[in-house]
PDB file of N, CA and C in Angstrom:
ATOM      1  N   MET A   1      66.287  37.049 -41.019  1.00  0.00           N
ATOM      2  CA  MET A   1      66.317  37.042 -39.578  1.00  0.00           C
ATOM      3  C   MET A   1      67.530  37.851 -39.108  1.00  0.00           C
ATOM      4  N   LYS A   2      67.296  38.609 -38.063  1.00  0.00           N
ATOM      5  CA  LYS A   2      68.350  39.427 -37.470  1.00  0.00           C
ATOM      6  C   LYS A   2      68.500  39.062 -35.998  1.00  0.00           C
ATOM      7  N   PRO A   3      69.689  39.268 -35.447  1.00  0.00           N
ATOM      8  CA  PRO A   3      69.854  39.020 -34.007  1.00  0.00           C
ATOM      9  C   PRO A   3      68.841  39.827 -33.200  1.00  0.00           C
ATOM     10  N   GLY A   4      68.242  39.184 -32.214  1.00  0.00           N
ATOM     11  CA  GLY A   4      67.215  39.819 -31.398  1.00  0.00           C
ATOM     12  C   GLY A   4      65.803  39.432 -31.799  1.00  0.00           C
ATOM     13  N   ASP A   5      65.631  38.795 -32.966  1.00  0.00           N
ATOM     14  CA  ASP A   5      64.305  38.349 -33.402  1.00  0.00           C
ATOM     15  C   ASP A   5      63.875  37.115 -32.625  1.00  0.00           C
ATOM     16  N   MET A   6      62.579  37.011 -32.385  1.00  0.00           N
ATOM     17  CA  MET A   6      62.011  35.806 -31.807  1.00  0.00           C
ATOM     18  C   MET A   6      61.843  34.805 -32.946  1.00  0.00           C
ATOM     19  N   VAL A   7      62.316  33.584 -32.754  1.00  0.00           N
ATOM     20  CA  VAL A   7      62.244  32.562 -33.796  1.00  0.00           C
ATOM     21  C   VAL A   7      61.577  31.303 -33.259  1.00  0.00           C
ATOM     22  N   ARG A   8      60.969  30.562 -34.160  1.00  0.00           N
ATOM     23  CA  ARG A   8      60.488  29.229 -33.807  1.00  0.00           C
ATOM     24  C   ARG A   8      61.402  28.251 -34.527  1.00  0.00           C
ATOM     25  N   PHE A   9      61.655  27.120 -33.877  1.00  0.00           N
ATOM     26  CA  PHE A   9      62.632  26.188 -34.430  1.00  0.00           C
ATOM     27  C   PHE A   9      62.321  24.768 -34.000  1.00  0.00           C
ATOM     28  N   ALA A  10      63.019  23.838 -34.627  1.00  0.00           N
ATOM     29  CA  ALA A  10      62.939  22.419 -34.271  1.00  0.00           C
ATOM     30  C   ALA A  10      64.353  21.930 -34.011  1.00  0.00           C
ATOM     31  N   PHE A  11      64.478  21.028 -33.066  1.00  0.00           N
ATOM     32  CA  PHE A  11      65.768  20.405 -32.826  1.00  0.00           C
ATOM     33  C   PHE A  11      66.057  19.413 -33.949  1.00  0.00           C
ATOM     34  N   PHE A  12      67.345  19.146 -34.195  1.00  0.00           N
ATOM     35  CA  PHE A  12      67.745  18.261 -35.282  1.00  0.00           C
ATOM     36  C   PHE A  12      67.146  16.863 -35.123  1.00  0.00           C
ATOM     37  N   LYS A  13      67.061  16.368 -33.891  1.00  0.00           N
ATOM     38  CA  LYS A  13      66.527  15.014 -33.668  1.00  0.00           C
ATOM     39  C   LYS A  13      65.033  14.922 -33.961  1.00  0.00           C
ATOM     40  N   GLU A  14      64.336  16.055 -34.070  1.00  0.00           N
ATOM     41  CA  GLU A  14      62.908  16.064 -34.380  1.00  0.00           C
ATOM     42  C   GLU A  14      62.635  16.059 -35.879  1.00  0.00           C
ATOM     43  N   ALA A  15      63.648  16.301 -36.689  1.00  0.00           N
ATOM     44  CA  ALA A  15      63.483  16.344 -38.141  1.00  0.00           C
ATOM     45  C   ALA A  15      63.393  14.918 -38.678  1.00  0.00           C
ATOM     46  N   LEU A  16      62.265  14.561 -39.235  1.00  0.00           N
ATOM     47  CA  LEU A  16      62.063  13.201 -39.722  1.00  0.00           C
ATOM     48  C   LEU A  16      62.459  13.047 -41.186  1.00  0.00           C
ATOM     49  N   ASN A  17      62.148  14.031 -42.005  1.00  0.00           N
ATOM     50  CA  ASN A  17      62.450  13.960 -43.421  1.00  0.00           C
ATOM     51  C   ASN A  17      63.675  14.821 -43.722  1.00  0.00           C
ATOM     52  N   TYR A  18      64.819  14.192 -43.899  1.00  0.00           N
ATOM     53  CA  TYR A  18      66.066  14.929 -44.099  1.00  0.00           C
ATOM     54  C   TYR A  18      66.187  15.547 -45.483  1.00  0.00           C
ATOM     55  N   LYS A  19      65.354  15.123 -46.430  1.00  0.00           N
ATOM     56  CA  LYS A  19      65.427  15.684 -47.779  1.00  0.00           C
ATOM     57  C   LYS A  19      64.618  16.967 -47.917  1.00  0.00           C
ATOM     58  N   ASP A  20      63.618  17.163 -47.036  1.00  0.00           N
ATOM     59  CA  ASP A  20      62.782  18.360 -47.101  1.00  0.00           C
ATOM     60  C   ASP A  20      62.611  18.931 -45.696  1.00  0.00           C
ATOM     61  N   TRP A  21      63.478  19.869 -45.320  1.00  0.00           N
ATOM     62  CA  TRP A  21      63.476  20.445 -43.979  1.00  0.00           C
ATOM     63  C   TRP A  21      62.255  21.318 -43.729  1.00  0.00           C
ATOM     64  N   SER A  22      61.631  21.828 -44.783  1.00  0.00           N
ATOM     65  CA  SER A  22      60.528  22.765 -44.605  1.00  0.00           C
ATOM     66  C   SER A  22      59.293  22.109 -43.986  1.00  0.00           C
ATOM     67  N   ASN A  23      59.158  20.794 -44.103  1.00  0.00           N
ATOM     68  CA  ASN A  23      57.992  20.110 -43.540  1.00  0.00           C
ATOM     69  C   ASN A  23      58.138  19.797 -42.060  1.00  0.00           C
ATOM     70  N   THR A  24      59.297  20.047 -41.473  1.00  0.00           N
ATOM     71  CA  THR A  24      59.523  19.756 -40.066  1.00  0.00           C
ATOM     72  C   THR A  24      58.734  20.721 -39.200  1.00  0.00           C
ATOM     73  N   GLU A  25      58.009  20.191 -38.222  1.00  0.00           N
ATOM     74  CA  GLU A  25      57.214  21.027 -37.330  1.00  0.00           C
ATOM     75  C   GLU A  25      58.141  21.783 -36.366  1.00  0.00           C
ATOM     76  N   LYS A  26      58.024  23.091 -36.362  1.00  0.00           N
ATOM     77  CA  LYS A  26      58.858  23.946 -35.517  1.00  0.00           C
ATOM     78  C   LYS A  26      58.018  24.407 -34.331  1.00  0.00           C
ATOM     79  N   LYS A  27      58.187  23.739 -33.196  1.00  0.00           N
ATOM     80  CA  LYS A  27      57.302  24.005 -32.066  1.00  0.00           C
ATOM     81  C   LYS A  27      57.992  24.632 -30.871  1.00  0.00           C
ATOM     82  N   HIS A  28      59.252  25.025 -30.990  1.00  0.00           N
ATOM     83  CA  HIS A  28      59.967  25.656 -29.886  1.00  0.00           C
ATOM     84  C   HIS A  28      60.193  27.136 -30.212  1.00  0.00           C
ATOM     85  N   LEU A  29      60.215  27.973 -29.185  1.00  0.00           N
ATOM     86  CA  LEU A  29      60.477  29.406 -29.358  1.00  0.00           C
ATOM     87  C   LEU A  29      61.789  29.776 -28.691  1.00  0.00           C
ATOM     88  N   GLY A  30      62.496  30.727 -29.293  1.00  0.00           N
ATOM     89  CA  GLY A  30      63.746  31.194 -28.723  1.00  0.00           C
ATOM     90  C   GLY A  30      64.109  32.555 -29.284  1.00  0.00           C
ATOM     91  N   LEU A  31      65.226  33.090 -28.818  1.00  0.00           N
ATOM     92  CA  LEU A  31      65.713  34.392 -29.241  1.00  0.00           C
ATOM     93  C   LEU A  31      66.959  34.189 -30.095  1.00  0.00           C
ATOM     94  N   LEU A  32      66.957  34.739 -31.299  1.00  0.00           N
ATOM     95  CA  LEU A  32      68.082  34.576 -32.214  1.00  0.00           C
ATOM     96  C   LEU A  32      69.276  35.395 -31.727  1.00  0.00           C
ATOM     97  N   VAL A  33      70.401  34.732 -31.539  1.00  0.00           N
ATOM     98  CA  VAL A  33      71.625  35.384 -31.098  1.00  0.00           C
ATOM     99  C   VAL A  33      72.514  35.700 -32.294  1.00  0.00           C
ATOM    100  N   GLU A  34      72.668  34.731 -33.195  1.00  0.00           N
ATOM    101  CA  GLU A  34      73.546  34.919 -34.357  1.00  0.00           C
ATOM    102  C   GLU A  34      73.034  34.097 -35.525  1.00  0.00           C
ATOM    103  N   HIS A  35      73.114  34.660 -36.735  1.00  0.00           N
ATOM    104  CA  HIS A  35      72.731  33.953 -37.953  1.00  0.00           C
ATOM    105  C   HIS A  35      73.908  33.982 -38.903  1.00  0.00           C
ATOM    106  N   ASP A  36      74.519  32.827 -39.127  1.00  0.00           N
ATOM    107  CA  ASP A  36      75.654  32.711 -40.044  1.00  0.00           C
ATOM    108  C   ASP A  36      75.131  32.177 -41.372  1.00  0.00           C
ATOM    109  N   SER A  37      74.881  33.077 -42.311  1.00  0.00           N
ATOM    110  CA  SER A  37      74.284  32.670 -43.577  1.00  0.00           C
ATOM    111  C   SER A  37      75.277  31.942 -44.476  1.00  0.00           C
ATOM    112  N   VAL A  38      76.563  32.127 -44.269  1.00  0.00           N
ATOM    113  CA  VAL A  38      77.571  31.456 -45.088  1.00  0.00           C
ATOM    114  C   VAL A  38      77.598  29.962 -44.763  1.00  0.00           C
ATOM    115  N   GLN A  39      77.649  29.616 -43.495  1.00  0.00           N
ATOM    116  CA  GLN A  39      77.690  28.216 -43.095  1.00  0.00           C
ATOM    117  C   GLN A  39      76.300  27.620 -42.888  1.00  0.00           C
ATOM    118  N   GLY A  40      75.271  28.444 -42.844  1.00  0.00           N
ATOM    119  CA  GLY A  40      73.908  27.964 -42.692  1.00  0.00           C
ATOM    120  C   GLY A  40      73.562  27.530 -41.283  1.00  0.00           C
ATOM    121  N   ASN A  41      74.108  28.227 -40.291  1.00  0.00           N
ATOM    122  CA  ASN A  41      73.853  27.915 -38.889  1.00  0.00           C
ATOM    123  C   ASN A  41      73.213  29.101 -38.187  1.00  0.00           C
ATOM    124  N   VAL A  42      72.451  28.809 -37.134  1.00  0.00           N
ATOM    125  CA  VAL A  42      71.924  29.857 -36.264  1.00  0.00           C
ATOM    126  C   VAL A  42      72.219  29.475 -34.819  1.00  0.00           C
ATOM    127  N   MET A  43      72.401  30.488 -33.988  1.00  0.00           N
ATOM    128  CA  MET A  43      72.560  30.281 -32.553  1.00  0.00           C
ATOM    129  C   MET A  43      71.353  30.910 -31.882  1.00  0.00           C
ATOM    130  N   ILE A  44      70.672  30.125 -31.037  1.00  0.00           N
ATOM    131  CA  ILE A  44      69.410  30.533 -30.431  1.00  0.00           C
ATOM    132  C   ILE A  44      69.494  30.382 -28.923  1.00  0.00           C
ATOM    133  N   LEU A  45      68.996  31.399 -28.208  1.00  0.00           N
ATOM    134  CA  LEU A  45      68.880  31.329 -26.760  1.00  0.00           C
ATOM    135  C   LEU A  45      67.542  30.696 -26.432  1.00  0.00           C
ATOM    136  N   HIS A  46      67.595  29.524 -25.783  1.00  0.00           N
ATOM    137  CA  HIS A  46      66.378  28.769 -25.466  1.00  0.00           C
ATOM    138  C   HIS A  46      66.521  28.185 -24.064  1.00  0.00           C
ATOM    139  N   ASN A  47      65.628  28.578 -23.158  1.00  0.00           N
ATOM    140  CA  ASN A  47      65.642  28.112 -21.770  1.00  0.00           C
ATOM    141  C   ASN A  47      66.994  28.327 -21.081  1.00  0.00           C
ATOM    142  N   GLY A  48      67.592  29.474 -21.306  1.00  0.00           N
ATOM    143  CA  GLY A  48      68.846  29.821 -20.649  1.00  0.00           C
ATOM    144  C   GLY A  48      70.078  29.193 -21.269  1.00  0.00           C
ATOM    145  N   GLU A  49      69.942  28.461 -22.348  1.00  0.00           N
ATOM    146  CA  GLU A  49      71.066  27.835 -23.037  1.00  0.00           C
ATOM    147  C   GLU A  49      71.137  28.355 -24.460  1.00  0.00           C
ATOM    148  N   ILE A  50      72.353  28.459 -24.977  1.00  0.00           N
ATOM    149  CA  ILE A  50      72.533  28.825 -26.378  1.00  0.00           C
ATOM    150  C   ILE A  50      72.755  27.543 -27.157  1.00  0.00           C
ATOM    151  N   ILE A  51      71.894  27.310 -28.146  1.00  0.00           N
ATOM    152  CA  ILE A  51      72.006  26.107 -28.961  1.00  0.00           C
ATOM    153  C   ILE A  51      72.345  26.515 -30.391  1.00  0.00           C
ATOM    154  N   LYS A  52      73.020  25.630 -31.093  1.00  0.00           N
ATOM    155  CA  LYS A  52      73.414  25.876 -32.473  1.00  0.00           C
ATOM    156  C   LYS A  52      72.756  24.808 -33.342  1.00  0.00           C
ATOM    157  N   ILE A  53      71.970  25.262 -34.326  1.00  0.00           N
ATOM    158  CA  ILE A  53      71.275  24.341 -35.222  1.00  0.00           C
ATOM    159  C   ILE A  53      71.394  24.849 -36.651  1.00  0.00           C
ATOM    160  N   ARG A  54      70.930  24.035 -37.590  1.00  0.00           N
ATOM    161  CA  ARG A  54      70.909  24.430 -38.997  1.00  0.00           C
ATOM    162  C   ARG A  54      69.898  25.552 -39.193  1.00  0.00           C
ATOM    163  N   ALA A  55      70.203  26.464 -40.076  1.00  0.00           N
ATOM    164  CA  ALA A  55      69.310  27.595 -40.339  1.00  0.00           C
ATOM    165  C   ALA A  55      67.994  27.129 -40.964  1.00  0.00           C
ATOM    166  N   ASN A  56      67.993  25.990 -41.638  1.00  0.00           N
ATOM    167  CA  ASN A  56      66.771  25.475 -42.256  1.00  0.00           C
ATOM    168  C   ASN A  56      65.734  25.061 -41.225  1.00  0.00           C
ATOM    169  N   LEU A  57      66.165  24.812 -40.008  1.00  0.00           N
ATOM    170  CA  LEU A  57      65.254  24.366 -38.962  1.00  0.00           C
ATOM    171  C   LEU A  57      64.708  25.520 -38.127  1.00  0.00           C
ATOM    172  N   ALA A  58      64.985  26.759 -38.531  1.00  0.00           N
ATOM    173  CA  ALA A  58      64.511  27.926 -37.784  1.00  0.00           C
ATOM    174  C   ALA A  58      63.854  28.921 -38.737  1.00  0.00           C
ATOM    175  N   GLU A  59      62.856  29.623 -38.214  1.00  0.00           N
ATOM    176  CA  GLU A  59      62.208  30.686 -38.987  1.00  0.00           C
ATOM    177  C   GLU A  59      61.691  31.742 -38.015  1.00  0.00           C
ATOM    178  N   LYS A  60      61.519  32.938 -38.528  1.00  0.00           N
ATOM    179  CA  LYS A  60      61.067  34.038 -37.685  1.00  0.00           C
ATOM    180  C   LYS A  60      59.653  33.778 -37.186  1.00  0.00           C
ATOM    181  N   ALA A  61      59.453  33.991 -35.897  1.00  0.00           N
ATOM    182  CA  ALA A  61      58.137  33.773 -35.296  1.00  0.00           C
ATOM    183  C   ALA A  61      57.216  34.932 -35.636  1.00  0.00           C
ATOM    184  N   GLY A  62      55.940  34.626 -35.728  1.00  0.00           N
ATOM    185  CA  GLY A  62      54.949  35.638 -36.063  1.00  0.00           C
ATOM    186  C   GLY A  62      53.994  35.907 -34.917  1.00  0.00           C
ATOM    187  N   LYS A  63      52.966  36.678 -35.213  1.00  0.00           N
ATOM    188  CA  LYS A  63      51.992  37.092 -34.210  1.00  0.00           C
ATOM    189  C   LYS A  63      51.257  35.890 -33.598  1.00  0.00           C
ATOM    190  N   LYS A  64      50.944  34.887 -34.404  1.00  0.00           N
ATOM    191  CA  LYS A  64      50.228  33.713 -33.908  1.00  0.00           C
ATOM    192  C   LYS A  64      51.058  32.934 -32.893  1.00  0.00           C
ATOM    193  N   ASP A  65      52.368  32.931 -33.048  1.00  0.00           N
ATOM    194  CA  ASP A  65      53.241  32.235 -32.099  1.00  0.00           C
ATOM    195  C   ASP A  65      53.200  32.901 -30.734  1.00  0.00           C
ATOM    196  N   TYR A  66      53.132  34.222 -30.715  1.00  0.00           N
ATOM    197  CA  TYR A  66      53.079  34.936 -29.444  1.00  0.00           C
ATOM    198  C   TYR A  66      51.749  34.684 -28.725  1.00  0.00           C
ATOM    199  N   GLU A  67      50.661  34.593 -29.507  1.00  0.00           N
ATOM    200  CA  GLU A  67      49.339  34.390 -28.913  1.00  0.00           C
ATOM    201  C   GLU A  67      49.203  32.992 -28.321  1.00  0.00           C
ATOM    202  N   LYS A  68      49.859  31.990 -28.905  1.00  0.00           N
ATOM    203  CA  LYS A  68      49.789  30.627 -28.406  1.00  0.00           C
ATOM    204  C   LYS A  68      50.437  30.501 -27.042  1.00  0.00           C
ATOM    205  N   ARG A  69      51.501  31.250 -26.810  1.00  0.00           N
ATOM    206  CA  ARG A  69      52.249  31.155 -25.567  1.00  0.00           C
ATOM    207  C   ARG A  69      51.616  32.039 -24.552  1.00  0.00           C
TER     208      ARG A  69
END
């Protein structure tokens, strides 16, 4: 992921299984501002706010995500 990419993500409070982050449903869309791979954090612009979450809870959005919105 690079800054400027559209990403889908989940908030930390939505993650139910803390041992396996990949199964968490990522239903929010935002714009990636910064990806810190050393600390494992991402900063995302979502609804006019910049939020900071774990990188495991975010992934690059694809064509299907754009069609849903």
